[in-house]
Structure formats: structure tokens, C-alpha cells
Amino acid sequence: MTRIGAIFNPYTHAPDEFRDAVLAAESAGVPELWIWEDCFRQSAFATAGAALAWTENLRIGIGIAPMPLRNVAATAMEIATLDRLFPGRILPGVGHGVLEWMGQAGARVASPLTLMREYVPALRSLLAGEPVSSAGRFVTLDGVRLEYPPAAPSRVYAAAEGPKTLRVSGEVADGTVLDSGHTAAEYESAIAAIRDARTQAGRGGGHDVVAYVVTAFGADAEARAIADVGDKSDPAERALWGDPAQVAAGARRFFDAGVDDVVLLPASRGDIAEFYRASGEVARLVAGAAG
């Protein structure tokens, strides 16, 4: 089902702004607020836990937390605890992490693809309440089983961009988080690779695709959105801007490409509370059209 989310960007807003932003998103009726853990800015799970505690309805997406920084059992415990406390409101995602940052932290692995192939299935199995033993290259577990897994297994997302990672995400994850700055045609190509890999791996069920899209509302919206896309070709095809009705209409091209969840990334300049108010209206328009 098509849906709309929004983002709290740790590059344009500091952690001490987070509480007000979360409350603004909840008040505006934003269904999902996505965060991420870029080194060395803010923690994913502490941030998610605080946001869930401050709100009643808002779902929090983690897109993403770097796999190399955490043992998979610790990640499973974090997610399971949050899901037990706030059932169905955490959307957990993991990824390679920026290799340079992983190196700074002493956590860089020789094969990020192998790590994903080992880590994500182990994480999914742990969250399903299964006992897990693994003697992989990077993931080693000996009969680990969560005492308090989620009541219903959490959907696990993986971040992907390059062709090999897209295929691995399709093979092992329940959903994929795609970065901003792409056209609908580029997303469509990526989604085709994910789905083909999933079919080849014999995976059944749905695969939820999340795409971040640079968005601007209000004065100078077009200029601000295009400026944030950067020097890529066809910048107007890589962003959304205008009033909520225009953004909702523009999001349709990404939904038509196969994206399930268009997550609005605020352009660098602009009031965050106003952005969430407009995003909430976009979400209502999209939900109404889908209904």
C-alpha cells in the first residue's frame, strides 16, 4: 500500500531539536518519521526509543543503523525491546555503513556483502524467536535465542544502492531503503533488480521499498529542492516541491515505479515544523487517493 513518511535529518538539525520535531510530526499526522545513524552524530536506537516514548501513533523508521558497529544479537535485543514496548511502531533497517567511518571506528569488514548475507538472515530469525547458530565469516552465534522477541516478527530493512547490494537486499531482507537523488526510472530499475534477486532466491511474500525523496514546501520551494539534489542531470525528476497537493501528485511517479513508501527529505532551508505539517497533509491526500 502506498504511503508517505518524513525524515529528521541529523545534518541540518541537532539532537537537542529532536523532541520538538517529533512532537510536531505527531501533531501533524505524519505516519512515519525516519532517522538514521551516521557516524558520529546520533544513536539510532536511543533516538528511536525516545521518539516512541514521546508519541502515541508515530512509527519510527531506522534507515539505517550500520551493521559493522553492532553484534547482531545486540541489534536484535534493541529492536525486540522497542517492539515489545511499542508494538508495531518500529521499522528497523541496517546497512553497510560508510566504509571510511567504519574504518575510523575499527569496525570495517573486508566484505560488506558477505556481512549482509550473514547478518540480516540471523537478525530476522532472532526477531522471529528462533534459536540461531551461525559460524560465518563475520556472524558467529551459538544457540542464541531472544527471551522476549517481538509478538509479531519485525520487518527488517536493508539499505542498498549498488547493483550487488540491491540483489543481496532482495535475497535476504524484508524491505529495502533507497537513498535520495534518483529519478523514478532509476528507482524502477533498482526495484526490478531487487525483485529478480528475490525470485531467484525463492523468497515469497512482499518486499517493502522505501525511497527518500528531497522535498520542499513554501517560498522558493523549487529552487531549494533542486539545489539539494546537486549537480545531477534532470534534477527536477529527482525531487518534489510545491503545496501538499502538488507534492502528493508528484509522488505518484515514484509509486508508479514500484516504491511503496515515499519518505520526504526536507530541503536544507526551511522550518521543520512547517515541513511536517505539510507532510502530514500529503500523507492524508495519498491515503485518501489509495482508499
C-alpha atoms as a PDB file:
ATOM      1  CA  MET A   1       0.000   0.000   0.000  1.00  0.00           C
ATOM      2  CA  THR A   2       1.385   3.394  -0.948  1.00  0.00           C
ATOM      3  CA  ARG A   3       2.247   5.669   1.953  1.00  0.00           C
ATOM      4  CA  ILE A   4       4.154   8.798   2.912  1.00  0.00           C
ATOM      5  CA  GLY A   5       6.760   9.364   5.612  1.00  0.00           C
ATOM      6  CA  ALA A   6       9.127  12.170   6.541  1.00  0.00           C
ATOM      7  CA  ILE A   7      12.713  12.454   7.765  1.00  0.00           C
ATOM      8  CA  PHE A   8      14.568  14.034  10.655  1.00  0.00           C
ATOM      9  CA  ASN A   9      17.939  14.930   9.147  1.00  0.00           C
ATOM     10  CA  PRO A  10      20.869  14.880  11.601  1.00  0.00           C
ATOM     11  CA  TYR A  11      22.911  17.052   9.241  1.00  0.00           C
ATOM     12  CA  THR A  12      20.556  20.011   9.346  1.00  0.00           C
ATOM     13  CA  HIS A  13      19.138  19.553  12.859  1.00  0.00           C
ATOM     14  CA  ALA A  14      20.930  18.750  16.125  1.00  0.00           C
ATOM     15  CA  PRO A  15      19.786  16.107  18.652  1.00  0.00           C
ATOM     16  CA  ASP A  16      18.509  18.797  21.029  1.00  0.00           C
ATOM     17  CA  GLU A  17      15.974  19.763  18.331  1.00  0.00           C
ATOM     18  CA  PHE A  18      14.672  16.223  18.045  1.00  0.00           C
ATOM     19  CA  ARG A  19      11.945  16.244  20.692  1.00  0.00           C
ATOM     20  CA  ASP A  20      10.207  19.293  19.261  1.00  0.00           C
ATOM     21  CA  ALA A  21      10.485  17.830  15.768  1.00  0.00           C
ATOM     22  CA  VAL A  22       8.981  14.515  16.846  1.00  0.00           C
ATOM     23  CA  LEU A  23       6.068  16.204  18.597  1.00  0.00           C
ATOM     24  CA  ALA A  24       5.484  18.383  15.541  1.00  0.00           C
ATOM     25  CA  ALA A  25       5.420  15.300  13.296  1.00  0.00           C
ATOM     26  CA  GLU A  26       2.962  13.513  15.588  1.00  0.00           C
ATOM     27  CA  SER A  27       0.739  16.586  15.836  1.00  0.00           C
ATOM     28  CA  ALA A  28       0.753  16.979  12.057  1.00  0.00           C
ATOM     29  CA  GLY A  29      -0.365  13.401  11.486  1.00  0.00           C
ATOM     30  CA  VAL A  30       2.842  12.238   9.802  1.00  0.00           C
ATOM     31  CA  PRO A  31       2.518   8.419   9.838  1.00  0.00           C
ATOM     32  CA  GLU A  32       6.260   7.630   9.836  1.00  0.00           C
ATOM     33  CA  LEU A  33       9.343   9.556  10.862  1.00  0.00           C
ATOM     34  CA  TRP A  34      12.615   8.124   9.590  1.00  0.00           C
ATOM     35  CA  ILE A  35      16.009   8.675  11.198  1.00  0.00           C
ATOM     36  CA  TRP A  36      19.468   7.355  10.517  1.00  0.00           C
ATOM     37  CA  GLU A  37      22.715   6.779  12.319  1.00  0.00           C
ATOM     38  CA  ASP A  38      25.601   8.489  10.543  1.00  0.00           C
ATOM     39  CA  CYS A  39      28.920   8.486  12.356  1.00  0.00           C
ATOM     40  CA  PHE A  40      29.426  10.285  14.564  1.00  0.00           C
ATOM     41  CA  ARG A  41      26.189  12.164  15.074  1.00  0.00           C
ATOM     42  CA  GLN A  42      23.389  10.434  16.959  1.00  0.00           C
ATOM     43  CA  SER A  43      22.437   6.936  18.054  1.00  0.00           C
ATOM     44  CA  ALA A  44      19.683   5.191  16.140  1.00  0.00           C
ATOM     45  CA  PHE A  45      18.141   3.127  18.912  1.00  0.00           C
ATOM     46  CA  ALA A  46      18.315   5.709  21.697  1.00  0.00           C
ATOM     47  CA  THR A  47      16.737   8.237  19.346  1.00  0.00           C
ATOM     48  CA  ALA A  48      14.028   5.807  18.253  1.00  0.00           C
ATOM     49  CA  GLY A  49      13.209   4.835  21.832  1.00  0.00           C
ATOM     50  CA  ALA A  50      12.833   8.458  22.887  1.00  0.00           C
ATOM     51  CA  ALA A  51      10.611   9.287  19.917  1.00  0.00           C
ATOM     52  CA  LEU A  52       8.364   6.301  20.547  1.00  0.00           C
ATOM     53  CA  ALA A  53       8.021   7.215  24.221  1.00  0.00           C
ATOM     54  CA  TRP A  54       7.067  10.817  23.416  1.00  0.00           C
ATOM     55  CA  THR A  55       4.304   9.830  20.978  1.00  0.00           C
ATOM     56  CA  GLU A  56       1.268   7.570  20.652  1.00  0.00           C
ATOM     57  CA  ASN A  57       0.869   6.870  16.932  1.00  0.00           C
ATOM     58  CA  LEU A  58       4.066   7.808  15.103  1.00  0.00           C
ATOM     59  CA  ARG A  59       6.030   4.939  13.603  1.00  0.00           C
ATOM     60  CA  ILE A  60       9.799   5.339  13.661  1.00  0.00           C
ATOM     61  CA  GLY A  61      11.918   4.057  10.807  1.00  0.00           C
ATOM     62  CA  ILE A  62      15.637   3.464  11.237  1.00  0.00           C
ATOM     63  CA  GLY A  63      17.144   3.838   7.837  1.00  0.00           C
ATOM     64  CA  ILE A  64      19.763   2.803   8.719  1.00  0.00           C
ATOM     65  CA  ALA A  65      21.990   1.588  11.568  1.00  0.00           C
ATOM     66  CA  PRO A  66      25.410   0.294  10.408  1.00  0.00           C
ATOM     67  CA  MET A  67      25.820  -3.458  10.814  1.00  0.00           C
ATOM     68  CA  PRO A  68      29.580  -3.426  11.463  1.00  0.00           C
ATOM     69  CA  LEU A  69      29.189  -1.343  14.626  1.00  0.00           C
ATOM     70  CA  ARG A  70      26.974  -3.870  16.455  1.00  0.00           C
ATOM     71  CA  ASN A  71      26.882  -7.576  17.106  1.00  0.00           C
ATOM     72  CA  VAL A  72      23.707  -8.932  15.527  1.00  0.00           C
ATOM     73  CA  ALA A  73      22.465 -10.288  18.868  1.00  0.00           C
ATOM     74  CA  ALA A  74      22.700  -6.805  20.391  1.00  0.00           C
ATOM     75  CA  THR A  75      20.824  -5.304  17.436  1.00  0.00           C
ATOM     76  CA  ALA A  76      18.100  -7.941  17.790  1.00  0.00           C
ATOM     77  CA  MET A  77      17.761  -7.155  21.501  1.00  0.00           C
ATOM     78  CA  GLU A  78      17.439  -3.429  20.775  1.00  0.00           C
ATOM     79  CA  ILE A  79      14.733  -3.949  18.144  1.00  0.00           C
ATOM     80  CA  ALA A  80      12.839  -6.558  20.158  1.00  0.00           C
ATOM     81  CA  THR A  81      12.810  -4.372  23.258  1.00  0.00           C
ATOM     82  CA  LEU A  82      11.463  -1.391  21.324  1.00  0.00           C
ATOM     83  CA  ASP A  83       8.823  -3.534  19.647  1.00  0.00           C
ATOM     84  CA  ARG A  84       7.715  -5.032  22.968  1.00  0.00           C
ATOM     85  CA  LEU A  85       7.385  -1.573  24.487  1.00  0.00           C
ATOM     86  CA  PHE A  86       5.776  -0.007  21.410  1.00  0.00           C
ATOM     87  CA  PRO A  87       4.261  -2.841  19.340  1.00  0.00           C
ATOM     88  CA  GLY A  88       4.289  -2.387  15.592  1.00  0.00           C
ATOM     89  CA  ARG A  89       5.783   1.098  15.659  1.00  0.00           C
ATOM     90  CA  ILE A  90       9.455   0.419  14.898  1.00  0.00           C
ATOM     91  CA  LEU A  91      10.668  -0.086  11.311  1.00  0.00           C
ATOM     92  CA  PRO A  92      14.264  -1.281  11.706  1.00  0.00           C
ATOM     93  CA  GLY A  93      16.844  -1.007   8.972  1.00  0.00           C
ATOM     94  CA  VAL A  94      20.521  -1.912   8.720  1.00  0.00           C
ATOM     95  CA  GLY A  95      23.238  -1.260   6.175  1.00  0.00           C
ATOM     96  CA  HIS A  96      26.942  -1.427   5.408  1.00  0.00           C
ATOM     97  CA  GLY A  97      27.788   1.936   6.889  1.00  0.00           C
ATOM     98  CA  VAL A  98      30.208   4.319   5.197  1.00  0.00           C
ATOM     99  CA  LEU A  99      33.427   2.356   4.859  1.00  0.00           C
ATOM    100  CA  GLU A 100      35.658   5.247   5.934  1.00  0.00           C
ATOM    101  CA  TRP A 101      33.648   5.744   9.111  1.00  0.00           C
ATOM    102  CA  MET A 102      33.653   2.025   9.831  1.00  0.00           C
ATOM    103  CA  GLY A 103      37.436   2.137   9.500  1.00  0.00           C
ATOM    104  CA  GLN A 104      37.661   5.049  11.941  1.00  0.00           C
ATOM    105  CA  ALA A 105      35.693   3.022  14.472  1.00  0.00           C
ATOM    106  CA  GLY A 106      37.793  -0.104  13.926  1.00  0.00           C
ATOM    107  CA  ALA A 107      34.750  -1.927  12.560  1.00  0.00           C
ATOM    108  CA  ARG A 108      35.366  -2.053   8.808  1.00  0.00           C
ATOM    109  CA  VAL A 109      34.858  -5.521   7.310  1.00  0.00           C
ATOM    110  CA  ALA A 110      36.628  -6.947   4.285  1.00  0.00           C
ATOM    111  CA  SER A 111      33.384  -7.953   2.547  1.00  0.00           C
ATOM    112  CA  PRO A 112      30.287  -5.857   3.316  1.00  0.00           C
ATOM    113  CA  LEU A 113      28.164  -8.049   1.039  1.00  0.00           C
ATOM    114  CA  THR A 114      29.122 -11.174   2.964  1.00  0.00           C
ATOM    115  CA  LEU A 115      28.323  -9.391   6.203  1.00  0.00           C
ATOM    116  CA  MET A 116      24.830  -8.520   4.909  1.00  0.00           C
ATOM    117  CA  ARG A 117      24.232 -12.084   3.722  1.00  0.00           C
ATOM    118  CA  GLU A 118      25.079 -13.376   7.200  1.00  0.00           C
ATOM    119  CA  TYR A 119      23.746 -10.586   9.394  1.00  0.00           C
ATOM    120  CA  VAL A 120      20.260  -9.912   8.006  1.00  0.00           C
ATOM    121  CA  PRO A 121      19.023 -13.546   7.983  1.00  0.00           C
ATOM    122  CA  ALA A 122      20.370 -14.017  11.516  1.00  0.00           C
ATOM    123  CA  LEU A 123      18.624 -10.824  12.635  1.00  0.00           C
ATOM    124  CA  ARG A 124      15.334 -11.859  11.026  1.00  0.00           C
ATOM    125  CA  SER A 125      15.499 -15.300  12.650  1.00  0.00           C
ATOM    126  CA  LEU A 126      16.283 -13.866  16.081  1.00  0.00           C
ATOM    127  CA  LEU A 127      13.362 -11.443  15.824  1.00  0.00           C
ATOM    128  CA  ALA A 128      11.128 -14.390  14.870  1.00  0.00           C
ATOM    129  CA  GLY A 129      12.028 -16.003  18.195  1.00  0.00           C
ATOM    130  CA  GLU A 130      14.084 -18.774  16.659  1.00  0.00           C
ATOM    131  CA  PRO A 131      17.291 -20.232  18.129  1.00  0.00           C
ATOM    132  CA  VAL A 132      20.165 -19.225  15.883  1.00  0.00           C
ATOM    133  CA  SER A 133      23.564 -20.813  15.436  1.00  0.00           C
ATOM    134  CA  SER A 134      25.953 -19.453  12.854  1.00  0.00           C
ATOM    135  CA  ALA A 135      29.619 -19.969  12.095  1.00  0.00           C
ATOM    136  CA  GLY A 136      30.003 -17.434   9.322  1.00  0.00           C
ATOM    137  CA  ARG A 137      32.864 -15.218   8.325  1.00  0.00           C
ATOM    138  CA  PHE A 138      31.511 -12.294  10.355  1.00  0.00           C
ATOM    139  CA  VAL A 139      28.483 -13.574  12.278  1.00  0.00           C
ATOM    140  CA  THR A 140      29.097 -16.202  14.934  1.00  0.00           C
ATOM    141  CA  LEU A 141      26.235 -17.306  17.180  1.00  0.00           C
ATOM    142  CA  ASP A 142      25.865 -20.420  19.322  1.00  0.00           C
ATOM    143  CA  GLY A 143      22.254 -21.256  20.071  1.00  0.00           C
ATOM    144  CA  VAL A 144      21.245 -17.629  20.661  1.00  0.00           C
ATOM    145  CA  ARG A 145      17.537 -17.103  21.235  1.00  0.00           C
ATOM    146  CA  LEU A 146      15.754 -13.984  22.431  1.00  0.00           C
ATOM    147  CA  GLU A 147      13.777 -14.426  25.638  1.00  0.00           C
ATOM    148  CA  TYR A 148      11.384 -11.661  24.579  1.00  0.00           C
ATOM    149  CA  PRO A 149      11.135 -11.495  20.799  1.00  0.00           C
ATOM    150  CA  PRO A 150       8.535  -9.224  19.194  1.00  0.00           C
ATOM    151  CA  ALA A 151       4.998 -10.556  19.443  1.00  0.00           C
ATOM    152  CA  ALA A 152       4.956 -10.461  15.639  1.00  0.00           C
ATOM    153  CA  PRO A 153       8.277 -10.653  13.738  1.00  0.00           C
ATOM    154  CA  SER A 154       9.565  -7.233  12.732  1.00  0.00           C
ATOM    155  CA  ARG A 155      10.120  -6.443   9.077  1.00  0.00           C
ATOM    156  CA  VAL A 156      13.867  -5.934   8.608  1.00  0.00           C
ATOM    157  CA  TYR A 157      15.013  -3.404   6.016  1.00  0.00           C
ATOM    158  CA  ALA A 158      18.415  -3.195   4.358  1.00  0.00           C
ATOM    159  CA  ALA A 159      19.875  -0.118   2.694  1.00  0.00           C
ATOM    160  CA  ALA A 160      21.093  -0.656  -0.841  1.00  0.00           C
ATOM    161  CA  GLU A 161      22.350   1.366  -3.782  1.00  0.00           C
ATOM    162  CA  GLY A 162      24.870  -0.514  -5.932  1.00  0.00           C
ATOM    163  CA  PRO A 163      23.681  -3.401  -8.124  1.00  0.00           C
ATOM    164  CA  LYS A 164      25.216  -6.145  -5.974  1.00  0.00           C
ATOM    165  CA  THR A 165      23.815  -4.760  -2.743  1.00  0.00           C
ATOM    166  CA  LEU A 166      20.373  -4.324  -4.303  1.00  0.00           C
ATOM    167  CA  ARG A 167      20.324  -8.002  -5.174  1.00  0.00           C
ATOM    168  CA  VAL A 168      21.506  -9.097  -1.744  1.00  0.00           C
ATOM    169  CA  SER A 169      18.835  -6.955  -0.118  1.00  0.00           C
ATOM    170  CA  GLY A 170      16.225  -8.640  -2.283  1.00  0.00           C
ATOM    171  CA  GLU A 171      17.552 -12.036  -1.281  1.00  0.00           C
ATOM    172  CA  VAL A 172      17.795 -11.589   2.488  1.00  0.00           C
ATOM    173  CA  ALA A 173      15.766  -8.574   3.698  1.00  0.00           C
ATOM    174  CA  ASP A 174      12.052  -7.856   4.063  1.00  0.00           C
ATOM    175  CA  GLY A 175      12.392  -4.386   2.590  1.00  0.00           C
ATOM    176  CA  THR A 176      14.928  -2.038   1.027  1.00  0.00           C
ATOM    177  CA  VAL A 177      15.728   1.595   1.814  1.00  0.00           C
ATOM    178  CA  LEU A 178      16.811   3.557  -1.271  1.00  0.00           C
ATOM    179  CA  ASP A 179      18.676   6.844  -0.951  1.00  0.00           C
ATOM    180  CA  SER A 180      17.536  10.199  -2.327  1.00  0.00           C
ATOM    181  CA  GLY A 181      18.601  11.869  -5.560  1.00  0.00           C
ATOM    182  CA  HIS A 182      17.235   9.348  -8.039  1.00  0.00           C
ATOM    183  CA  THR A 183      14.641   9.564 -10.796  1.00  0.00           C
ATOM    184  CA  ALA A 184      11.568   7.350 -10.909  1.00  0.00           C
ATOM    185  CA  ALA A 185      13.182   5.408 -13.774  1.00  0.00           C
ATOM    186  CA  GLU A 186      16.292   4.780 -11.667  1.00  0.00           C
ATOM    187  CA  TYR A 187      14.160   3.558  -8.766  1.00  0.00           C
ATOM    188  CA  GLU A 188      12.232   1.314 -11.145  1.00  0.00           C
ATOM    189  CA  SER A 189      15.476  -0.264 -12.348  1.00  0.00           C
ATOM    190  CA  ALA A 190      16.668  -0.802  -8.782  1.00  0.00           C
ATOM    191  CA  ILE A 191      13.359  -2.362  -7.770  1.00  0.00           C
ATOM    192  CA  ALA A 192      13.471  -4.707 -10.763  1.00  0.00           C
ATOM    193  CA  ALA A 193      16.889  -5.946  -9.607  1.00  0.00           C
ATOM    194  CA  ILE A 194      15.593  -6.455  -6.065  1.00  0.00           C
ATOM    195  CA  ARG A 195      12.575  -8.409  -7.256  1.00  0.00           C
ATOM    196  CA  ASP A 196      14.588 -10.545  -9.667  1.00  0.00           C
ATOM    197  CA  ALA A 197      17.033 -11.480  -6.915  1.00  0.00           C
ATOM    198  CA  ARG A 198      14.159 -12.269  -4.592  1.00  0.00           C
ATOM    199  CA  THR A 199      12.603 -14.561  -7.182  1.00  0.00           C
ATOM    200  CA  GLN A 200      15.934 -16.271  -7.841  1.00  0.00           C
ATOM    201  CA  ALA A 201      16.333 -16.857  -4.098  1.00  0.00           C
ATOM    202  CA  GLY A 202      12.873 -18.392  -3.843  1.00  0.00           C
ATOM    203  CA  ARG A 203      11.674 -15.754  -1.389  1.00  0.00           C
ATOM    204  CA  GLY A 204       7.911 -15.428  -1.143  1.00  0.00           C
ATOM    205  CA  GLY A 205       5.830 -12.615   0.286  1.00  0.00           C
ATOM    206  CA  GLY A 206       6.096  -8.910  -0.261  1.00  0.00           C
ATOM    207  CA  HIS A 207       9.197  -6.734  -0.176  1.00  0.00           C
ATOM    208  CA  ASP A 208       8.624  -3.172   1.043  1.00  0.00           C
ATOM    209  CA  VAL A 209      10.548  -0.484  -0.859  1.00  0.00           C
ATOM    210  CA  VAL A 210      11.258   2.824   0.874  1.00  0.00           C
ATOM    211  CA  ALA A 211      12.677   5.753  -1.096  1.00  0.00           C
ATOM    212  CA  TYR A 212      13.906   9.055   0.296  1.00  0.00           C
ATOM    213  CA  VAL A 213      12.926  11.998  -1.919  1.00  0.00           C
ATOM    214  CA  VAL A 214      14.158  15.587  -1.449  1.00  0.00           C
ATOM    215  CA  THR A 215      11.090  17.776  -0.900  1.00  0.00           C
ATOM    216  CA  ALA A 216      10.378  21.466  -0.330  1.00  0.00           C
ATOM    217  CA  PHE A 217       7.233  23.402   0.512  1.00  0.00           C
ATOM    218  CA  GLY A 218       6.582  27.125   0.650  1.00  0.00           C
ATOM    219  CA  ALA A 219       8.599  30.039  -0.692  1.00  0.00           C
ATOM    220  CA  ASP A 220      11.293  29.240  -3.265  1.00  0.00           C
ATOM    221  CA  ALA A 221      10.404  25.551  -2.968  1.00  0.00           C
ATOM    222  CA  GLU A 222      11.553  24.611  -6.470  1.00  0.00           C
ATOM    223  CA  ALA A 223      14.918  26.334  -6.117  1.00  0.00           C
ATOM    224  CA  ARG A 224      15.563  24.836  -2.693  1.00  0.00           C
ATOM    225  CA  ALA A 225      14.647  21.314  -3.760  1.00  0.00           C
ATOM    226  CA  ILE A 226      16.749  21.394  -6.915  1.00  0.00           C
ATOM    227  CA  ALA A 227      19.696  22.899  -5.033  1.00  0.00           C
ATOM    228  CA  ASP A 228      19.645  19.973  -2.603  1.00  0.00           C
ATOM    229  CA  VAL A 229      19.652  17.428  -5.421  1.00  0.00           C
ATOM    230  CA  GLY A 230      23.034  18.804  -6.521  1.00  0.00           C
ATOM    231  CA  ASP A 231      24.601  18.738  -9.954  1.00  0.00           C
ATOM    232  CA  LYS A 232      22.912  15.586 -11.260  1.00  0.00           C
ATOM    233  CA  SER A 233      21.188  15.614 -14.629  1.00  0.00           C
ATOM    234  CA  ASP A 234      17.427  16.164 -14.725  1.00  0.00           C
ATOM    235  CA  PRO A 235      17.250  17.494 -11.146  1.00  0.00           C
ATOM    236  CA  ALA A 236      13.536  18.228 -11.474  1.00  0.00           C
ATOM    237  CA  GLU A 237      12.929  14.486 -11.852  1.00  0.00           C
ATOM    238  CA  ARG A 238      14.730  13.770  -8.585  1.00  0.00           C
ATOM    239  CA  ALA A 239      12.789  15.984  -6.162  1.00  0.00           C
ATOM    240  CA  LEU A 240       9.327  17.156  -5.143  1.00  0.00           C
ATOM    241  CA  TRP A 241       8.120  20.671  -4.340  1.00  0.00           C
ATOM    242  CA  GLY A 242       5.088  22.898  -4.122  1.00  0.00           C
ATOM    243  CA  ASP A 243       1.996  22.752  -1.937  1.00  0.00           C
ATOM    244  CA  PRO A 244       0.846  19.427  -0.415  1.00  0.00           C
ATOM    245  CA  ALA A 245      -1.444  18.647  -3.351  1.00  0.00           C
ATOM    246  CA  GLN A 246       1.407  19.181  -5.835  1.00  0.00           C
ATOM    247  CA  VAL A 247       3.789  17.020  -3.796  1.00  0.00           C
ATOM    248  CA  ALA A 248       1.175  14.268  -3.456  1.00  0.00           C
ATOM    249  CA  ALA A 249       0.625  14.336  -7.217  1.00  0.00           C
ATOM    250  CA  GLY A 250       4.362  14.331  -7.907  1.00  0.00           C
ATOM    251  CA  ALA A 251       4.918  11.368  -5.594  1.00  0.00           C
ATOM    252  CA  ARG A 252       2.732   9.300  -7.906  1.00  0.00           C
ATOM    253  CA  ARG A 253       5.584   8.838 -10.378  1.00  0.00           C
ATOM    254  CA  PHE A 254       7.646   7.147  -7.667  1.00  0.00           C
ATOM    255  CA  PHE A 255       4.731   4.951  -6.593  1.00  0.00           C
ATOM    256  CA  ASP A 256       4.180   4.001 -10.229  1.00  0.00           C
ATOM    257  CA  ALA A 257       7.856   2.969 -10.405  1.00  0.00           C
ATOM    258  CA  GLY A 258       7.254   0.456  -7.604  1.00  0.00           C
ATOM    259  CA  VAL A 259       8.121   2.447  -4.491  1.00  0.00           C
ATOM    260  CA  ASP A 260       5.818   1.593  -1.575  1.00  0.00           C
ATOM    261  CA  ASP A 261       6.845   4.349   0.833  1.00  0.00           C
ATOM    262  CA  VAL A 262       7.900   7.811  -0.370  1.00  0.00           C
ATOM    263  CA  VAL A 263       9.741   9.391   2.555  1.00  0.00           C
ATOM    264  CA  LEU A 264      10.046  13.165   2.254  1.00  0.00           C
ATOM    265  CA  LEU A 265      13.531  14.526   2.949  1.00  0.00           C
ATOM    266  CA  PRO A 266      13.390  18.225   3.907  1.00  0.00           C
ATOM    267  CA  ALA A 267      15.368  20.566   1.690  1.00  0.00           C
ATOM    268  CA  SER A 268      18.142  22.217   3.679  1.00  0.00           C
ATOM    269  CA  ARG A 269      16.469  25.550   4.376  1.00  0.00           C
ATOM    270  CA  GLY A 270      13.019  25.744   5.943  1.00  0.00           C
ATOM    271  CA  ASP A 271      11.100  25.401   9.191  1.00  0.00           C
ATOM    272  CA  ILE A 272      10.894  21.753  10.250  1.00  0.00           C
ATOM    273  CA  ALA A 273       7.509  22.041  11.994  1.00  0.00           C
ATOM    274  CA  GLU A 274       6.019  23.631   8.869  1.00  0.00           C
ATOM    275  CA  PHE A 275       7.560  20.860   6.791  1.00  0.00           C
ATOM    276  CA  TYR A 276       5.904  18.191   8.936  1.00  0.00           C
ATOM    277  CA  ARG A 277       2.552  19.987   8.819  1.00  0.00           C
ATOM    278  CA  ALA A 278       2.678  19.931   5.028  1.00  0.00           C
ATOM    279  CA  SER A 279       3.945  16.332   5.007  1.00  0.00           C
ATOM    280  CA  GLY A 280       1.014  15.241   7.149  1.00  0.00           C
ATOM    281  CA  GLU A 281      -1.348  16.737   4.596  1.00  0.00           C
ATOM    282  CA  VAL A 282       0.491  14.939   1.772  1.00  0.00           C
ATOM    283  CA  ALA A 283       0.103  11.673   3.699  1.00  0.00           C
ATOM    284  CA  ARG A 284      -3.647  12.239   4.063  1.00  0.00           C
ATOM    285  CA  LEU A 285      -4.033  13.043   0.361  1.00  0.00           C
ATOM    286  CA  VAL A 286      -2.097   9.926  -0.675  1.00  0.00           C
ATOM    287  CA  ALA A 287      -4.026   7.715   1.760  1.00  0.00           C
ATOM    288  CA  GLY A 288      -7.311   9.151   0.524  1.00  0.00           C
ATOM    289  CA  ALA A 289      -6.391   8.509  -3.101  1.00  0.00           C
ATOM    290  CA  ALA A 290      -5.337   4.945  -2.279  1.00  0.00           C
ATOM    291  CA  GLY A 291      -8.533   4.299  -0.320  1.00  0.00           C
END
